[in-house]
Protein backbone atom coordinates (compact mmCIF):
# COMPACT_ATOMS: atom_id res chain seq x y z
CA UNK A 1 -19.16 17.14 18.82
CA UNK A 2 -17.66 17.77 15.75
CA UNK A 3 -14.56 16.71 13.91
CA UNK A 4 -12.38 18.21 11.16
CA UNK A 5 -9.51 16.86 9.25
CA UNK A 6 -7.44 18.49 6.71
CA UNK A 7 -6.59 16.38 3.57
CA UNK A 8 -3.67 17.34 1.10
CA UNK A 9 -3.66 17.37 -2.73
CA UNK A 10 -0.98 15.42 -4.44
CA UNK A 11 0.94 15.63 -7.79
CA UNK A 12 2.40 12.15 -9.62
CA UNK A 13 6.04 12.99 -10.19
CA UNK A 14 6.02 9.52 -11.97
CA UNK A 15 2.92 7.52 -13.29
CA UNK A 16 3.81 4.82 -15.29
CA UNK A 17 0.90 3.00 -16.86
CA UNK A 18 0.71 -0.77 -18.10
CA UNK A 19 -1.73 -2.50 -20.46
CA UNK A 20 -4.77 -2.68 -19.47
CA UNK A 21 -6.12 -5.61 -17.21
CA UNK A 22 -8.81 -8.05 -18.00
CA UNK A 23 -10.81 -6.47 -15.25
CA UNK A 24 -10.27 -3.12 -16.94
CA UNK A 25 -7.73 -1.53 -14.58
CA UNK A 26 -3.94 -0.78 -15.37
CA UNK A 27 -1.40 -1.75 -13.30
CA UNK A 28 0.77 1.55 -12.38
CA UNK A 29 3.96 2.84 -10.81
CA UNK A 30 2.84 5.69 -9.47
CA UNK A 31 5.15 8.07 -7.33
CA UNK A 32 2.81 10.25 -5.39
CA UNK A 33 3.91 13.73 -3.59
CA UNK A 34 1.63 15.24 -1.39
CA UNK A 35 1.45 19.13 -1.73
CA UNK A 36 -0.19 21.98 0.29
CA UNK A 37 -3.38 22.68 -1.07
CA UNK A 38 -5.93 21.43 1.12
CA UNK A 39 -9.56 20.34 1.64
CA UNK A 40 -11.03 20.59 5.07
CA UNK A 41 -13.72 17.84 6.07
CA UNK A 42 -15.58 18.40 9.04
CA UNK A 43 -18.21 15.96 10.38
CA UNK A 44 -21.02 16.05 12.65
CA UNK A 45 -23.83 14.12 14.57
CA UNK A 46 -27.16 13.86 12.26
CA UNK A 47 -30.02 12.06 11.68
CA UNK A 48 -29.14 11.07 8.40
CA UNK A 49 -26.07 10.90 6.01
CA UNK A 50 -25.58 14.22 4.09
CA UNK A 51 -22.86 16.06 2.22
CA UNK A 52 -22.58 19.79 1.73
CA UNK A 53 -19.69 21.60 0.01
CA UNK A 54 -18.17 25.22 -0.24
CA UNK A 55 -15.10 26.53 -1.83
CA UNK A 56 -13.86 27.16 -5.92
CA UNK A 57 -16.01 24.95 -8.21
CA UNK A 58 -17.97 23.54 -5.47
CA UNK A 59 -21.24 23.35 -7.65
CA UNK A 60 -19.23 20.43 -9.64
CA UNK A 61 -18.98 18.15 -6.52
CA UNK A 62 -21.69 15.52 -6.04
CA UNK A 63 -23.60 15.56 -2.93
CA UNK A 64 -25.36 12.14 -3.33
CA UNK A 65 -24.08 9.09 -1.99
CA UNK A 66 -21.65 8.80 -5.08
CA UNK A 67 -19.42 11.31 -3.17
CA UNK A 68 -16.18 9.56 -1.98
CA UNK A 69 -16.69 11.12 1.51
CA UNK A 70 -20.15 9.71 1.83
CA UNK A 71 -19.03 6.49 0.52
CA UNK A 72 -16.16 6.43 3.28
CA UNK A 73 -18.87 7.06 6.03
CA UNK A 74 -20.77 4.25 4.81
CA UNK A 75 -18.16 1.92 4.75
CA UNK A 76 -16.88 2.66 8.10
CA UNK A 77 -20.28 2.51 9.63
CA UNK A 78 -20.91 -0.81 7.89
CA UNK A 79 -18.00 -2.42 9.58
CA UNK A 80 -18.88 -1.39 12.75
CA UNK A 81 -22.69 -2.27 12.42
CA UNK A 82 -23.92 1.27 13.07
CA UNK A 83 -25.82 3.99 11.38
CA UNK A 84 -23.75 6.29 8.97
CA UNK A 85 -25.85 9.22 10.31
CA UNK A 86 -23.49 12.36 9.81
CA UNK A 87 -23.26 15.71 8.36
CA UNK A 88 -20.08 15.91 6.38
CA UNK A 89 -19.05 19.29 5.16
CA UNK A 90 -16.39 20.05 2.36
CA UNK A 91 -14.44 23.20 2.30
CA UNK A 92 -12.96 22.84 -1.04
CA UNK A 93 -9.38 24.16 -2.06
CA UNK A 94 -8.15 21.16 -4.35
CA UNK A 95 -9.13 21.38 -7.76
CA UNK A 96 -12.56 19.28 -9.00
CA UNK A 97 -11.56 16.89 -11.63
CA UNK A 98 -8.03 18.29 -12.02
CA UNK A 99 -5.80 15.30 -11.72
CA UNK A 100 -5.18 16.30 -8.03
CA UNK A 101 -7.13 13.60 -6.08
CA UNK A 102 -9.68 15.98 -4.92
CA UNK A 103 -12.31 13.50 -4.50
CA UNK A 104 -9.74 11.16 -3.14
CA UNK A 105 -8.57 13.28 -0.32
CA UNK A 106 -12.35 14.21 0.44
CA UNK A 107 -13.10 10.32 1.07
CA UNK A 108 -9.71 9.94 3.18
CA UNK A 109 -10.67 12.69 5.00
CA UNK A 110 -14.01 11.59 6.37
CA UNK A 111 -12.83 8.30 6.86
CA UNK A 112 -10.47 9.70 9.50
CA UNK A 113 -13.18 12.51 10.73
CA UNK A 114 -15.47 9.71 11.39
CA UNK A 115 -13.45 7.24 13.12
CA UNK A 116 -12.33 9.94 15.38
CA UNK A 117 -16.27 11.24 15.80
CA UNK A 118 -17.52 7.41 16.54
CA UNK A 119 -14.56 6.39 18.32
CA UNK A 120 -14.22 3.15 16.18
CA UNK A 121 -10.87 2.83 16.73
CA UNK A 122 -10.11 1.36 13.62
CA UNK A 123 -6.47 0.64 12.84
CA UNK A 124 -4.38 2.18 10.55
CA UNK A 125 -4.39 -1.02 8.24
CA UNK A 126 -8.03 -1.43 8.15
CA UNK A 127 -8.53 2.43 7.49
CA UNK A 128 -6.03 1.69 4.47
CA UNK A 129 -8.12 -1.39 3.24
CA UNK A 130 -11.11 0.71 3.43
CA UNK A 131 -9.40 3.31 1.44
CA UNK A 132 -8.57 0.73 -1.16
CA UNK A 133 -12.04 -0.04 -1.64
CA UNK A 134 -13.01 3.35 -1.98
CA UNK A 135 -10.51 4.20 -4.94
CA UNK A 136 -6.63 4.03 -6.25
CA UNK A 137 -5.94 7.55 -4.98
CA UNK A 138 -7.41 7.17 -1.66
CA UNK A 139 -5.01 5.42 0.36
CA UNK A 140 -2.19 7.84 -0.52
CA UNK A 141 -4.29 10.94 0.44
CA UNK A 142 -4.48 9.12 4.21
CA UNK A 143 -0.74 8.63 3.99
CA UNK A 144 0.27 11.41 2.44
CA UNK A 145 4.21 12.91 2.26
CA UNK A 146 6.13 10.55 -0.79
CA UNK A 147 5.13 7.02 -1.85
CA UNK A 148 5.42 4.61 -4.50
CA UNK A 149 1.97 3.02 -5.12
CA UNK A 150 1.70 -0.32 -7.21
CA UNK A 151 -1.18 -2.29 -8.64
CA UNK A 152 -3.72 0.35 -9.28
CA UNK A 153 -1.59 2.46 -6.86
CA UNK A 154 -3.22 1.38 -3.94
CA UNK A 155 -0.41 -0.23 -2.55
CA UNK A 156 2.03 2.08 -1.33
CA UNK A 157 5.57 1.85 -0.29
CA UNK A 158 6.69 5.15 1.90
CA UNK A 159 9.74 7.02 -0.07
CA UNK A 160 12.32 8.96 1.65
CA UNK A 161 12.23 12.65 0.37
CA UNK A 162 15.36 15.03 1.22
CA UNK A 163 13.94 18.31 0.99
CA UNK A 164 11.13 20.38 0.09
CA UNK A 165 10.29 20.86 -3.51
CA UNK A 166 8.32 23.82 -4.97
CA UNK A 167 5.48 23.66 -7.55
CA UNK A 168 3.01 25.81 -9.44
CA UNK A 169 -0.13 24.28 -10.65
CA UNK A 170 -2.30 25.55 -13.46
CA UNK A 171 -6.14 25.09 -13.45
CA UNK A 172 -7.49 24.27 -17.11
CA UNK A 173 -10.77 25.94 -18.06
CA UNK A 174 -12.47 22.45 -17.90
CA UNK A 175 -12.21 19.05 -16.02
CA UNK A 176 -11.41 15.59 -17.78
CA UNK A 177 -12.75 12.30 -16.55
CA UNK A 178 -10.01 10.18 -15.49
CA UNK A 179 -12.02 7.25 -17.07
CA UNK A 180 -11.64 9.01 -20.61
CA UNK A 181 -8.38 9.52 -20.23
CA UNK A 182 -7.29 5.92 -19.71
CA UNK A 183 -9.68 5.30 -22.48
CA UNK A 184 -7.66 7.41 -25.00
CA UNK A 185 -4.54 6.06 -23.57
CA UNK A 186 -5.64 2.36 -24.40
CA UNK A 187 -6.50 4.04 -28.33
CA UNK A 188 -3.44 5.83 -28.54
CA UNK A 189 -1.57 2.50 -27.46
CA UNK A 190 -3.25 -0.24 -29.16
CA UNK A 191 -1.03 -2.35 -31.41
CA UNK A 192 1.88 -1.79 -29.43
CA UNK A 193 3.53 -3.26 -26.84
CA UNK A 194 3.12 -1.35 -23.28
CA UNK A 195 5.96 -2.43 -21.15
CA UNK A 196 5.22 -3.30 -17.41
CA UNK A 197 5.47 -0.16 -15.28
CA UNK A 198 8.46 0.15 -12.70
CA UNK A 199 9.87 3.37 -10.66
CA UNK A 200 12.34 5.40 -12.19
CA UNK A 201 15.84 4.65 -10.09
CA UNK A 202 16.76 7.95 -11.08
CA UNK A 203 13.57 9.81 -9.87
CA UNK A 204 13.76 7.93 -6.54
CA UNK A 205 17.35 8.72 -6.14
CA UNK A 206 16.15 12.55 -6.87
CA UNK A 207 13.31 12.39 -4.59
CA UNK A 208 15.61 11.05 -1.65
CA UNK A 209 18.48 13.91 -2.45
CA UNK A 210 15.72 16.44 -2.25
CA UNK A 211 17.40 17.67 -5.36
CA UNK A 212 14.92 19.59 -7.88
CA UNK A 213 17.08 19.58 -11.10
CA UNK A 214 17.35 15.95 -11.07
CA UNK A 215 13.59 15.32 -10.39
CA UNK A 216 12.83 17.50 -13.11
CA UNK A 217 15.04 15.37 -15.58
CA UNK A 218 13.49 12.53 -14.41
CA UNK A 219 9.60 13.33 -14.16
CA UNK A 220 7.10 11.42 -16.61
CA UNK A 221 3.36 10.74 -16.93
CA UNK A 222 2.56 8.06 -19.31
CA UNK A 223 -0.93 9.45 -19.47
CA UNK A 224 0.02 13.03 -20.57
CA UNK A 225 -0.53 12.42 -24.49
CA UNK A 226 -3.84 10.89 -23.72
CA UNK A 227 -4.77 14.04 -21.81
CA UNK A 228 -3.45 16.24 -24.48
CA UNK A 229 -5.26 14.38 -27.16
CA UNK A 230 -8.49 15.04 -25.35
CA UNK A 231 -7.53 18.89 -24.51
CA UNK A 232 -4.97 20.02 -26.95
CA UNK A 233 -4.66 23.40 -25.15
CA UNK A 234 -3.08 22.25 -22.45
CA UNK A 235 0.20 22.14 -24.78
CA UNK A 236 0.24 26.04 -24.61
CA UNK A 237 0.36 26.04 -20.62
CA UNK A 238 3.15 23.89 -20.49
CA UNK A 239 4.62 25.65 -23.07
CA UNK A 240 4.09 28.88 -21.13
CA UNK A 241 5.21 27.50 -17.84
CA UNK A 242 8.69 26.18 -19.16
CA UNK A 243 9.17 29.43 -21.00
CA UNK A 244 9.05 31.18 -17.66
CA UNK A 245 11.70 29.40 -16.06
CA UNK A 246 10.20 26.04 -14.58
CA UNK A 247 12.32 23.22 -14.41
CA UNK A 248 10.07 21.12 -15.78
CA UNK A 249 6.24 20.94 -16.62
CA UNK A 250 4.02 17.99 -16.69
CA UNK A 251 0.12 16.94 -16.80
CA UNK A 252 -0.79 16.14 -13.08
CA UNK A 253 -2.04 12.50 -13.03
CA UNK A 254 -5.26 12.48 -15.53
CA UNK A 255 -5.13 15.86 -15.65
CA UNK A 256 -6.09 18.53 -16.87
CA UNK A 257 -4.27 20.59 -13.94
CA UNK A 258 -0.41 21.15 -15.05
CA UNK A 259 2.08 21.41 -12.49
CA UNK A 260 5.25 22.92 -12.86
CA UNK A 261 8.66 22.23 -10.81
CA UNK A 262 10.59 24.93 -10.08
CA UNK A 263 13.92 25.49 -7.88
CA UNK A 264 12.61 28.03 -5.23
CA UNK A 265 9.35 30.40 -4.01
CA UNK A 266 10.87 33.22 -6.14
CA UNK A 267 10.89 30.98 -8.93
CA UNK A 268 7.33 29.90 -8.32
CA UNK A 269 5.95 33.43 -8.16
CA UNK A 270 7.60 34.29 -11.49
CA UNK A 271 6.28 31.31 -12.99
CA UNK A 272 2.78 31.78 -11.29
CA UNK A 273 2.76 35.44 -12.97
CA UNK A 274 3.68 34.65 -16.42
CA UNK A 275 0.90 31.57 -16.60
CA UNK A 276 -1.66 34.27 -15.02
CA UNK A 277 -0.73 36.67 -17.65
CA UNK A 278 -0.94 34.55 -20.58
CA UNK A 279 -4.46 33.54 -20.61
CA UNK A 280 -3.90 30.06 -21.23
CA UNK A 281 -5.48 28.74 -17.89
CA UNK A 282 -8.24 29.67 -15.40
CA UNK A 283 -6.36 29.94 -12.54
CA UNK A 284 -2.71 29.49 -11.02
CA UNK A 285 -1.58 28.21 -7.42
CA UNK A 286 1.63 27.68 -5.67
CA UNK A 287 2.49 24.84 -3.18
CA UNK A 288 5.18 22.68 -1.83
CA UNK A 289 5.88 19.24 -0.39
CA UNK A 290 5.75 16.68 0.82
CA UNK A 291 3.49 17.55 3.30
CA UNK A 292 1.67 14.91 5.83
CA UNK A 293 -1.89 13.15 4.81
CA UNK A 294 -5.03 13.51 6.22
CA UNK A 295 -4.40 14.89 9.82
CA UNK A 296 -7.43 15.64 12.71
CA UNK A 297 -7.02 19.77 13.23
CA UNK A 298 -9.85 20.22 15.68
CA UNK A 299 -12.17 17.87 17.67
CA UNK A 300 -14.79 20.02 19.63
């Protein structure tokens, strides 16, 4: 038997970051939107745990037990007292190290796939608990749609989205380490009073109305200055997309992928063409959201 699960990428339409906590993490107010770029995770029984991967930048994906998909299989197997013997194959289409939660998506996808393959019957709450143990973005990859994440981003409240939002994503020539971006955030904010992170009422209202102009006026990312400090070339990509007609432009999460909100698919095509022609990024993709989270698409 094999089980295949499809899991979406995410964009942060708001990422408010508090000061570093004693445990080294930061409190967040993180408004997630799942968008239609997907990894597919297929699991089949095996004598031992094994991970393979194919797709763009697959050579950058770890295939050992540091991979979140492998860790998810081990966590679920450990709870149910069984062997984690499974072959996990990742068909990757979400940018690697791009701030779009590709690794988290793989963890959530493997968890759902192994639950279905093994028939463990884990509750949704139990799956979300395991997701939170794996990483801050993993619970949202399971849930999808639109949600507010607080704490480290792992405590989710579903949000209403009143329409479909259209995006263009530009992939940078190299990745950024999320821990490095947070360290740069701390360095840039040293000696300043960093407020407690709260979700923007204007942004939540725009999301609920499905109003792209109002959403464009409200998006924010507190990690963007840190990402730009570490990778200044991103400023040129952001400027190119704005000049091509994007309603707004921002770094996605910890970067280095840049995200451009546009009004409709025709605008997305125009912005994508301008970004591709500019030479300021490695590749360009279009997607819309919200879309569902981790979903079983095949069980043979």
